[in-house]
C-alpha atoms as a PDB file:
ATOM      1  CA  UNK A   1       0.014   0.022  -0.001  1.00  0.00           C
ATOM      2  CA  UNK A   2       1.438   3.399  -0.872  1.00  0.00           C
ATOM      3  CA  UNK A   3       2.276   6.014   1.813  1.00  0.00           C
ATOM      4  CA  UNK A   4      -0.490   8.409   2.699  1.00  0.00           C
ATOM      5  CA  UNK A   5       0.644  11.852   1.998  1.00  0.00           C
ATOM      6  CA  UNK A   6      -2.632  13.436   3.312  1.00  0.00           C
ATOM      7  CA  UNK A   7      -2.747  17.145   4.261  1.00  0.00           C
ATOM      8  CA  UNK A   8      -3.319  18.178   7.815  1.00  0.00           C
ATOM      9  CA  UNK A   9      -6.983  18.896   7.173  1.00  0.00           C
ATOM     10  CA  UNK A  10      -7.542  15.498   5.564  1.00  0.00           C
ATOM     11  CA  UNK A  11      -6.196  13.721   8.614  1.00  0.00           C
ATOM     12  CA  UNK A  12      -8.314  15.739  10.967  1.00  0.00           C
ATOM     13  CA  UNK A  13     -11.284  15.059   8.745  1.00  0.00           C
ATOM     14  CA  UNK A  14     -10.585  11.340   8.544  1.00  0.00           C
ATOM     15  CA  UNK A  15     -10.217  11.242  12.369  1.00  0.00           C
ATOM     16  CA  UNK A  16     -13.686  12.947  12.834  1.00  0.00           C
ATOM     17  CA  UNK A  17     -15.179  10.616  10.218  1.00  0.00           C
ATOM     18  CA  UNK A  18     -13.986   7.636  12.050  1.00  0.00           C
ATOM     19  CA  UNK A  19     -15.077   9.000  15.436  1.00  0.00           C
ATOM     20  CA  UNK A  20     -18.618   9.484  14.051  1.00  0.00           C
ATOM     21  CA  UNK A  21     -18.752   6.103  12.383  1.00  0.00           C
ATOM     22  CA  UNK A  22     -17.691   4.468  15.587  1.00  0.00           C
ATOM     23  CA  UNK A  23     -20.202   6.604  17.590  1.00  0.00           C
ATOM     24  CA  UNK A  24     -22.917   5.239  15.238  1.00  0.00           C
ATOM     25  CA  UNK A  25     -22.164   1.765  16.526  1.00  0.00           C
ATOM     26  CA  UNK A  26     -22.034   2.851  20.091  1.00  0.00           C
ATOM     27  CA  UNK A  27     -18.178   2.773  20.235  1.00  0.00           C
ATOM     28  CA  UNK A  28     -15.993   5.621  21.754  1.00  0.00           C
ATOM     29  CA  UNK A  29     -12.196   5.431  21.477  1.00  0.00           C
ATOM     30  CA  UNK A  30     -11.226   8.281  23.915  1.00  0.00           C
ATOM     31  CA  UNK A  31      -7.759   8.708  22.682  1.00  0.00           C
ATOM     32  CA  UNK A  32      -8.719   8.885  18.921  1.00  0.00           C
ATOM     33  CA  UNK A  33      -7.106  11.785  17.327  1.00  0.00           C
ATOM     34  CA  UNK A  34      -4.233  12.977  14.955  1.00  0.00           C
ATOM     35  CA  UNK A  35      -0.658  11.577  15.630  1.00  0.00           C
ATOM     36  CA  UNK A  36       1.044  14.855  16.071  1.00  0.00           C
ATOM     37  CA  UNK A  37       4.599  13.561  15.616  1.00  0.00           C
ATOM     38  CA  UNK A  38       3.376  12.612  11.986  1.00  0.00           C
ATOM     39  CA  UNK A  39       3.738  16.356  11.120  1.00  0.00           C
ATOM     40  CA  UNK A  40       7.313  16.701  12.308  1.00  0.00           C
ATOM     41  CA  UNK A  41       9.096  15.772   9.182  1.00  0.00           C
ATOM     42  CA  UNK A  42       9.080  16.280   5.446  1.00  0.00           C
ATOM     43  CA  UNK A  43       8.901  12.584   4.720  1.00  0.00           C
ATOM     44  CA  UNK A  44       6.687  11.824   7.532  1.00  0.00           C
ATOM     45  CA  UNK A  45       3.251   9.981   6.982  1.00  0.00           C
ATOM     46  CA  UNK A  46       0.196  11.518   8.406  1.00  0.00           C
ATOM     47  CA  UNK A  47      -1.463   9.132  10.946  1.00  0.00           C
ATOM     48  CA  UNK A  48      -4.802   8.893  12.829  1.00  0.00           C
ATOM     49  CA  UNK A  49      -3.945   7.637  16.400  1.00  0.00           C
ATOM     50  CA  UNK A  50      -6.452   5.246  17.498  1.00  0.00           C
ATOM     51  CA  UNK A  51      -5.367   5.223  21.121  1.00  0.00           C
ATOM     52  CA  UNK A  52      -6.185   2.832  23.963  1.00  0.00           C
ATOM     53  CA  UNK A  53      -9.398   1.330  24.828  1.00  0.00           C
ATOM     54  CA  UNK A  54     -10.708  -1.118  27.396  1.00  0.00           C
ATOM     55  CA  UNK A  55     -11.506  -4.737  26.683  1.00  0.00           C
ATOM     56  CA  UNK A  56     -15.298  -4.215  26.287  1.00  0.00           C
ATOM     57  CA  UNK A  57     -14.719  -1.610  23.543  1.00  0.00           C
ATOM     58  CA  UNK A  58     -12.196  -3.755  21.712  1.00  0.00           C
ATOM     59  CA  UNK A  59     -14.731  -6.564  21.863  1.00  0.00           C
ATOM     60  CA  UNK A  60     -17.453  -4.256  20.534  1.00  0.00           C
ATOM     61  CA  UNK A  61     -15.234  -2.914  17.716  1.00  0.00           C
ATOM     62  CA  UNK A  62     -14.300  -6.513  16.785  1.00  0.00           C
ATOM     63  CA  UNK A  63     -17.944  -7.544  16.742  1.00  0.00           C
ATOM     64  CA  UNK A  64     -18.891  -4.586  14.450  1.00  0.00           C
ATOM     65  CA  UNK A  65     -16.014  -5.276  12.091  1.00  0.00           C
ATOM     66  CA  UNK A  66     -16.978  -9.047  11.886  1.00  0.00           C
ATOM     67  CA  UNK A  67     -20.441  -8.083  10.940  1.00  0.00           C
ATOM     68  CA  UNK A  68     -19.439  -5.623   8.370  1.00  0.00           C
ATOM     69  CA  UNK A  69     -17.078  -8.208   6.804  1.00  0.00           C
ATOM     70  CA  UNK A  70     -19.881 -10.765   6.649  1.00  0.00           C
ATOM     71  CA  UNK A  71     -22.010  -8.603   4.349  1.00  0.00           C
END
């Protein structure tokens, strides 16, 4: 997969889009946001940081992804 050379606004928009999609399924990742060190260098890749979550949230996320994959 090629490196993502997204602009800062694209990365913020992607993070918010993911936050909204997860919320639609009752999932909250409190640490979800933009990975700030990704903006530090010329050759860096813009990343969305998913952060940490508890076991129940991880289970719910896996459940939603399995259901989506089965479609």
